[in-house]
């Protein structure tokens, strides 16, 4: 059950990262994959209780320059 929840979170993160992309700021699949790769252990392994700093930094990198409304973004701790 926890594994399914983490998989849903991974899909949600991908949707957030890809959602605000416009024609001016294209984001490649390789860029998304390389930035979110550190998150896969957290999202697929029930024994890992929190994301790594590398995972959080990867999400921030994807969200930062492509998010037109910073105040609407989810806080990452």
PDB file of N, CA and C in Angstrom:
ATOM      1  N   UNK A   1       0.824  -1.186   0.000  1.00  0.00           N
ATOM      2  CA  UNK A   1       0.000   0.000   0.000  1.00  0.00           C
ATOM      3  C   UNK A   1       0.872   1.255   0.000  1.00  0.00           C
ATOM      4  N   UNK A   2       1.927   1.253   0.824  1.00  0.00           N
ATOM      5  CA  UNK A   2       2.813   2.419   0.865  1.00  0.00           C
ATOM      6  C   UNK A   2       3.548   2.586  -0.455  1.00  0.00           C
ATOM      7  N   UNK A   3       3.888   1.468  -1.098  1.00  0.00           N
ATOM      8  CA  UNK A   3       4.570   1.529  -2.392  1.00  0.00           C
ATOM      9  C   UNK A   3       3.692   2.159  -3.454  1.00  0.00           C
ATOM     10  N   UNK A   4       2.405   1.849  -3.429  1.00  0.00           N
ATOM     11  CA  UNK A   4       1.470   2.434  -4.387  1.00  0.00           C
ATOM     12  C   UNK A   4       1.340   3.932  -4.158  1.00  0.00           C
ATOM     13  N   UNK A   5       1.303   4.343  -2.905  1.00  0.00           N
ATOM     14  CA  UNK A   5       1.207   5.768  -2.576  1.00  0.00           C
ATOM     15  C   UNK A   5       2.442   6.508  -3.079  1.00  0.00           C
ATOM     16  N   UNK A   6       3.615   5.917  -2.907  1.00  0.00           N
ATOM     17  CA  UNK A   6       4.843   6.556  -3.371  1.00  0.00           C
ATOM     18  C   UNK A   6       4.876   6.628  -4.892  1.00  0.00           C
ATOM     19  N   UNK A   7       4.380   5.594  -5.566  1.00  0.00           N
ATOM     20  CA  UNK A   7       4.318   5.624  -7.025  1.00  0.00           C
ATOM     21  C   UNK A   7       3.382   6.738  -7.485  1.00  0.00           C
ATOM     22  N   UNK A   8       2.252   6.891  -6.814  1.00  0.00           N
ATOM     23  CA  UNK A   8       1.334   7.981  -7.141  1.00  0.00           C
ATOM     24  C   UNK A   8       2.010   9.334  -6.927  1.00  0.00           C
ATOM     25  N   UNK A   9       2.818   9.448  -5.888  1.00  0.00           N
ATOM     26  CA  UNK A   9       3.555  10.692  -5.636  1.00  0.00           C
ATOM     27  C   UNK A   9       4.545  10.969  -6.757  1.00  0.00           C
ATOM     28  N   UNK A  10       5.226   9.938  -7.250  1.00  0.00           N
ATOM     29  CA  UNK A  10       6.174  10.111  -8.351  1.00  0.00           C
ATOM     30  C   UNK A  10       5.454  10.622  -9.595  1.00  0.00           C
ATOM     31  N   UNK A  11       4.305  10.038  -9.907  1.00  0.00           N
ATOM     32  CA  UNK A  11       3.524  10.501 -11.058  1.00  0.00           C
ATOM     33  C   UNK A  11       3.101  11.950 -10.844  1.00  0.00           C
ATOM     34  N   UNK A  12       2.687  12.287  -9.644  1.00  0.00           N
ATOM     35  CA  UNK A  12       2.278  13.656  -9.335  1.00  0.00           C
ATOM     36  C   UNK A  12       3.441  14.630  -9.513  1.00  0.00           C
ATOM     37  N   UNK A  13       4.636  14.244  -9.068  1.00  0.00           N
ATOM     38  CA  UNK A  13       5.818  15.095  -9.227  1.00  0.00           C
ATOM     39  C   UNK A  13       6.114  15.316 -10.700  1.00  0.00           C
ATOM     40  N   UNK A  14       6.022  14.252 -11.499  1.00  0.00           N
ATOM     41  CA  UNK A  14       6.234  14.398 -12.943  1.00  0.00           C
ATOM     42  C   UNK A  14       5.210  15.361 -13.539  1.00  0.00           C
ATOM     43  N   UNK A  15       3.960  15.264 -13.092  1.00  0.00           N
ATOM     44  CA  UNK A  15       2.916  16.149 -13.618  1.00  0.00           C
ATOM     45  C   UNK A  15       3.179  17.597 -13.225  1.00  0.00           C
ATOM     46  N   UNK A  16       3.621  17.826 -12.003  1.00  0.00           N
ATOM     47  CA  UNK A  16       3.935  19.186 -11.568  1.00  0.00           C
ATOM     48  C   UNK A  16       5.095  19.742 -12.379  1.00  0.00           C
ATOM     49  N   UNK A  17       6.116  18.926 -12.568  1.00  0.00           N
ATOM     50  CA  UNK A  17       7.291  19.388 -13.312  1.00  0.00           C
ATOM     51  C   UNK A  17       6.947  19.685 -14.765  1.00  0.00           C
ATOM     52  N   UNK A  18       6.070  18.911 -15.355  1.00  0.00           N
ATOM     53  CA  UNK A  18       5.740  19.087 -16.766  1.00  0.00           C
ATOM     54  C   UNK A  18       4.588  20.060 -16.981  1.00  0.00           C
ATOM     55  N   UNK A  19       3.765  20.299 -15.987  1.00  0.00           N
ATOM     56  CA  UNK A  19       2.571  21.126 -16.144  1.00  0.00           C
ATOM     57  C   UNK A  19       2.794  22.542 -16.622  1.00  0.00           C
ATOM     58  N   UNK A  20       3.639  23.333 -15.979  1.00  0.00           N
ATOM     59  CA  UNK A  20       3.748  24.745 -16.347  1.00  0.00           C
ATOM     60  C   UNK A  20       4.686  25.042 -17.518  1.00  0.00           C
ATOM     61  N   UNK A  21       5.115  24.026 -18.234  1.00  0.00           N
ATOM     62  CA  UNK A  21       6.060  24.238 -19.331  1.00  0.00           C
ATOM     63  C   UNK A  21       5.361  24.948 -20.485  1.00  0.00           C
ATOM     64  N   UNK A  22       6.019  25.941 -21.018  1.00  0.00           N
ATOM     65  CA  UNK A  22       5.499  26.658 -22.178  1.00  0.00           C
ATOM     66  C   UNK A  22       6.445  26.456 -23.346  1.00  0.00           C
ATOM     67  N   UNK A  23       6.073  26.983 -24.503  1.00  0.00           N
ATOM     68  CA  UNK A  23       6.919  26.847 -25.689  1.00  0.00           C
ATOM     69  C   UNK A  23       8.253  27.556 -25.492  1.00  0.00           C
ATOM     70  N   UNK A  24       8.290  28.573 -24.648  1.00  0.00           N
ATOM     71  CA  UNK A  24       9.526  29.315 -24.411  1.00  0.00           C
ATOM     72  C   UNK A  24      10.525  28.523 -23.575  1.00  0.00           C
ATOM     73  N   UNK A  25      10.037  27.667 -22.717  1.00  0.00           N
ATOM     74  CA  UNK A  25      10.921  26.952 -21.798  1.00  0.00           C
ATOM     75  C   UNK A  25      10.676  25.453 -21.919  1.00  0.00           C
ATOM     76  N   UNK A  26      11.214  24.857 -22.954  1.00  0.00           N
ATOM     77  CA  UNK A  26      11.024  23.420 -23.155  1.00  0.00           C
ATOM     78  C   UNK A  26      11.921  22.634 -22.204  1.00  0.00           C
ATOM     79  N   UNK A  27      11.397  21.572 -21.703  1.00  0.00           N
ATOM     80  CA  UNK A  27      12.103  20.717 -20.763  1.00  0.00           C
ATOM     81  C   UNK A  27      12.174  19.328 -21.368  1.00  0.00           C
ATOM     82  N   UNK A  28      13.359  18.789 -21.502  1.00  0.00           N
ATOM     83  CA  UNK A  28      13.511  17.478 -22.136  1.00  0.00           C
ATOM     84  C   UNK A  28      13.203  16.356 -21.146  1.00  0.00           C
ATOM     85  N   UNK A  29      12.843  15.218 -21.696  1.00  0.00           N
ATOM     86  CA  UNK A  29      12.599  14.038 -20.853  1.00  0.00           C
ATOM     87  C   UNK A  29      13.869  13.644 -20.102  1.00  0.00           C
ATOM     88  N   UNK A  30      15.004  13.770 -20.760  1.00  0.00           N
ATOM     89  CA  UNK A  30      16.270  13.442 -20.112  1.00  0.00           C
ATOM     90  C   UNK A  30      16.541  14.321 -18.911  1.00  0.00           C
ATOM     91  N   UNK A  31      16.197  15.598 -19.028  1.00  0.00           N
ATOM     92  CA  UNK A  31      16.381  16.535 -17.916  1.00  0.00           C
ATOM     93  C   UNK A  31      15.483  16.156 -16.740  1.00  0.00           C
ATOM     94  N   UNK A  32      14.226  15.817 -17.039  1.00  0.00           N
ATOM     95  CA  UNK A  32      13.303  15.395 -15.982  1.00  0.00           C
ATOM     96  C   UNK A  32      13.813  14.112 -15.337  1.00  0.00           C
ATOM     97  N   UNK A  33      14.189  13.141 -16.155  1.00  0.00           N
ATOM     98  CA  UNK A  33      14.671  11.861 -15.617  1.00  0.00           C
ATOM     99  C   UNK A  33      15.907  12.033 -14.749  1.00  0.00           C
ATOM    100  N   UNK A  34      16.869  12.819 -15.209  1.00  0.00           N
ATOM    101  CA  UNK A  34      18.106  12.965 -14.435  1.00  0.00           C
ATOM    102  C   UNK A  34      17.869  13.702 -13.121  1.00  0.00           C
ATOM    103  N   UNK A  35      16.950  14.664 -13.108  1.00  0.00           N
ATOM    104  CA  UNK A  35      16.676  15.400 -11.875  1.00  0.00           C
ATOM    105  C   UNK A  35      15.829  14.602 -10.890  1.00  0.00           C
ATOM    106  N   UNK A  36      14.967  13.716 -11.392  1.00  0.00           N
ATOM    107  CA  UNK A  36      14.097  12.957 -10.498  1.00  0.00           C
ATOM    108  C   UNK A  36      14.618  11.561 -10.177  1.00  0.00           C
ATOM    109  N   UNK A  37      15.685  11.140 -10.808  1.00  0.00           N
ATOM    110  CA  UNK A  37      16.251   9.806 -10.544  1.00  0.00           C
ATOM    111  C   UNK A  37      16.576   9.597  -9.059  1.00  0.00           C
ATOM    112  N   UNK A  38      17.115  10.606  -8.343  1.00  0.00           N
ATOM    113  CA  UNK A  38      17.386  10.394  -6.917  1.00  0.00           C
ATOM    114  C   UNK A  38      16.126  10.148  -6.080  1.00  0.00           C
ATOM    115  N   UNK A  39      14.942  10.400  -6.637  1.00  0.00           N
ATOM    116  CA  UNK A  39      13.689  10.216  -5.891  1.00  0.00           C
ATOM    117  C   UNK A  39      13.152   8.792  -5.972  1.00  0.00           C
ATOM    118  N   UNK A  40      13.631   7.995  -6.918  1.00  0.00           N
ATOM    119  CA  UNK A  40      13.031   6.679  -7.131  1.00  0.00           C
ATOM    120  C   UNK A  40      13.175   5.753  -5.926  1.00  0.00           C
ATOM    121  N   UNK A  41      14.287   5.797  -5.235  1.00  0.00           N
ATOM    122  CA  UNK A  41      14.440   4.960  -4.048  1.00  0.00           C
ATOM    123  C   UNK A  41      13.425   5.308  -2.973  1.00  0.00           C
ATOM    124  N   UNK A  42      13.212   6.577  -2.746  1.00  0.00           N
ATOM    125  CA  UNK A  42      12.233   7.027  -1.754  1.00  0.00           C
ATOM    126  C   UNK A  42      10.815   6.626  -2.159  1.00  0.00           C
ATOM    127  N   UNK A  43      10.518   6.748  -3.453  1.00  0.00           N
ATOM    128  CA  UNK A  43       9.165   6.484  -3.920  1.00  0.00           C
ATOM    129  C   UNK A  43       8.854   5.003  -4.080  1.00  0.00           C
ATOM    130  N   UNK A  44       9.857   4.167  -4.200  1.00  0.00           N
ATOM    131  CA  UNK A  44       9.605   2.744  -4.414  1.00  0.00           C
ATOM    132  C   UNK A  44       9.997   1.861  -3.238  1.00  0.00           C
ATOM    133  N   UNK A  45      10.764   2.364  -2.284  1.00  0.00           N
ATOM    134  CA  UNK A  45      11.235   1.563  -1.160  1.00  0.00           C
ATOM    135  C   UNK A  45      10.524   2.020   0.111  1.00  0.00           C
ATOM    136  N   UNK A  46       9.686   1.158   0.662  1.00  0.00           N
ATOM    137  CA  UNK A  46       8.934   1.515   1.859  1.00  0.00           C
ATOM    138  C   UNK A  46       9.793   1.754   3.088  1.00  0.00           C
ATOM    139  N   UNK A  47      11.049   1.306   3.078  1.00  0.00           N
ATOM    140  CA  UNK A  47      11.926   1.468   4.237  1.00  0.00           C
ATOM    141  C   UNK A  47      12.518   2.874   4.320  1.00  0.00           C
ATOM    142  N   UNK A  48      12.546   3.589   3.207  1.00  0.00           N
ATOM    143  CA  UNK A  48      13.099   4.946   3.200  1.00  0.00           C
ATOM    144  C   UNK A  48      11.977   5.904   3.584  1.00  0.00           C
ATOM    145  N   UNK A  49      12.158   6.627   4.688  1.00  0.00           N
ATOM    146  CA  UNK A  49      11.066   7.439   5.230  1.00  0.00           C
ATOM    147  C   UNK A  49      11.050   8.890   4.772  1.00  0.00           C
ATOM    148  N   UNK A  50      12.131   9.366   4.171  1.00  0.00           N
ATOM    149  CA  UNK A  50      12.126  10.747   3.680  1.00  0.00           C
ATOM    150  C   UNK A  50      12.987  10.840   2.427  1.00  0.00           C
ATOM    151  N   UNK A  51      12.665  11.795   1.550  1.00  0.00           N
ATOM    152  CA  UNK A  51      13.458  11.938   0.326  1.00  0.00           C
ATOM    153  C   UNK A  51      14.853  12.464   0.635  1.00  0.00           C
ATOM    154  N   UNK A  52      15.788  12.114  -0.214  1.00  0.00           N
ATOM    155  CA  UNK A  52      17.167  12.578  -0.033  1.00  0.00           C
ATOM    156  C   UNK A  52      17.280  14.048  -0.421  1.00  0.00           C
ATOM    157  N   UNK A  53      18.314  14.733   0.046  1.00  0.00           N
ATOM    158  CA  UNK A  53      18.534  16.119  -0.377  1.00  0.00           C
ATOM    159  C   UNK A  53      18.682  16.228  -1.898  1.00  0.00           C
ATOM    160  N   UNK A  54      19.272  15.206  -2.532  1.00  0.00           N
ATOM    161  CA  UNK A  54      19.420  15.222  -3.986  1.00  0.00           C
ATOM    162  C   UNK A  54      18.053  15.174  -4.666  1.00  0.00           C
ATOM    163  N   UNK A  55      17.126  14.407  -4.115  1.00  0.00           N
ATOM    164  CA  UNK A  55      15.766  14.338  -4.652  1.00  0.00           C
ATOM    165  C   UNK A  55      15.095  15.702  -4.547  1.00  0.00           C
ATOM    166  N   UNK A  56      15.154  16.307  -3.383  1.00  0.00           N
ATOM    167  CA  UNK A  56      14.528  17.621  -3.178  1.00  0.00           C
ATOM    168  C   UNK A  56      15.145  18.674  -4.092  1.00  0.00           C
ATOM    169  N   UNK A  57      16.459  18.639  -4.240  1.00  0.00           N
ATOM    170  CA  UNK A  57      17.123  19.599  -5.126  1.00  0.00           C
ATOM    171  C   UNK A  57      16.708  19.391  -6.575  1.00  0.00           C
ATOM    172  N   UNK A  58      16.553  18.141  -6.989  1.00  0.00           N
ATOM    173  CA  UNK A  58      16.118  17.855  -8.352  1.00  0.00           C
ATOM    174  C   UNK A  58      14.726  18.385  -8.627  1.00  0.00           C
ATOM    175  N   UNK A  59      13.817  18.219  -7.665  1.00  0.00           N
ATOM    176  CA  UNK A  59      12.458  18.737  -7.820  1.00  0.00           C
ATOM    177  C   UNK A  59      12.490  20.263  -7.868  1.00  0.00           C
ATOM    178  N   UNK A  60      13.307  20.872  -7.019  1.00  0.00           N
ATOM    179  CA  UNK A  60      13.428  22.336  -7.035  1.00  0.00           C
ATOM    180  C   UNK A  60      13.962  22.838  -8.377  1.00  0.00           C
ATOM    181  N   UNK A  61      14.958  22.133  -8.920  1.00  0.00           N
ATOM    182  CA  UNK A  61      15.515  22.535 -10.215  1.00  0.00           C
ATOM    183  C   UNK A  61      14.456  22.492 -11.302  1.00  0.00           C
ATOM    184  N   UNK A  62      13.622  21.478 -11.267  1.00  0.00           N
ATOM    185  CA  UNK A  62      12.583  21.354 -12.285  1.00  0.00           C
ATOM    186  C   UNK A  62      11.462  22.361 -12.075  1.00  0.00           C
ATOM    187  N   UNK A  63      11.130  22.621 -10.852  1.00  0.00           N
ATOM    188  CA  UNK A  63      10.008  23.506 -10.546  1.00  0.00           C
ATOM    189  C   UNK A  63      10.377  24.977 -10.667  1.00  0.00           C
ATOM    190  N   UNK A  64      11.583  25.348 -10.263  1.00  0.00           N
ATOM    191  CA  UNK A  64      11.986  26.748 -10.202  1.00  0.00           C
ATOM    192  C   UNK A  64      11.832  27.557 -11.467  1.00  0.00           C
ATOM    193  N   UNK A  65      12.624  27.312 -12.503  1.00  0.00           N
ATOM    194  CA  UNK A  65      12.596  28.183 -13.672  1.00  0.00           C
ATOM    195  C   UNK A  65      11.342  28.034 -14.526  1.00  0.00           C
ATOM    196  N   UNK A  66      10.569  26.984 -14.327  1.00  0.00           N
ATOM    197  CA  UNK A  66       9.408  26.739 -15.172  1.00  0.00           C
ATOM    198  C   UNK A  66       8.098  27.088 -14.483  1.00  0.00           C
ATOM    199  N   UNK A  67       8.157  27.502 -13.245  1.00  0.00           N
ATOM    200  CA  UNK A  67       6.942  27.807 -12.498  1.00  0.00           C
ATOM    201  C   UNK A  67       6.637  29.291 -12.608  1.00  0.00           C
ATOM    202  N   UNK A  68       5.564  29.656 -13.306  1.00  0.00           N
ATOM    203  CA  UNK A  68       5.244  31.072 -13.474  1.00  0.00           C
ATOM    204  C   UNK A  68       4.690  31.725 -12.215  1.00  0.00           C
ATOM    205  N   UNK A  69       4.236  30.925 -11.255  1.00  0.00           N
ATOM    206  CA  UNK A  69       3.665  31.458 -10.024  1.00  0.00           C
ATOM    207  C   UNK A  69       4.356  30.849  -8.816  1.00  0.00           C
ATOM    208  N   UNK A  70       5.495  31.398  -8.372  1.00  0.00           N
ATOM    209  CA  UNK A  70       6.214  30.798  -7.242  1.00  0.00           C
ATOM    210  C   UNK A  70       5.377  30.691  -5.978  1.00  0.00           C
ATOM    211  N   UNK A  71       4.461  31.631  -5.746  1.00  0.00           N
ATOM    212  CA  UNK A  71       3.670  31.585  -4.523  1.00  0.00           C
ATOM    213  C   UNK A  71       2.700  30.410  -4.527  1.00  0.00           C
ATOM    214  N   UNK A  72       2.399  29.864  -5.699  1.00  0.00           N
ATOM    215  CA  UNK A  72       1.466  28.750  -5.787  1.00  0.00           C
ATOM    216  C   UNK A  72       2.166  27.400  -5.711  1.00  0.00           C
ATOM    217  N   UNK A  73       3.482  27.393  -5.663  1.00  0.00           N
ATOM    218  CA  UNK A  73       4.206  26.120  -5.646  1.00  0.00           C
ATOM    219  C   UNK A  73       4.143  25.480  -4.269  1.00  0.00           C
ATOM    220  N   UNK A  74       4.312  24.180  -4.250  1.00  0.00           N
ATOM    221  CA  UNK A  74       4.321  23.456  -2.989  1.00  0.00           C
ATOM    222  C   UNK A  74       5.656  23.658  -2.300  1.00  0.00           C
ATOM    223  N   UNK A  75       5.665  23.903  -0.998  1.00  0.00           N
ATOM    224  CA  UNK A  75       6.944  24.051  -0.297  1.00  0.00           C
ATOM    225  C   UNK A  75       7.633  22.702  -0.179  1.00  0.00           C
ATOM    226  N   UNK A  76       8.929  22.698  -0.411  1.00  0.00           N
ATOM    227  CA  UNK A  76       9.726  21.487  -0.255  1.00  0.00           C
ATOM    228  C   UNK A  76      10.657  21.683   0.924  1.00  0.00           C
ATOM    229  N   UNK A  77      10.618  20.759   1.868  1.00  0.00           N
ATOM    230  CA  UNK A  77      11.451  20.878   3.071  1.00  0.00           C
ATOM    231  C   UNK A  77      12.566  19.906   3.028  1.00  0.00           C
TER     232      UNK A  77
END
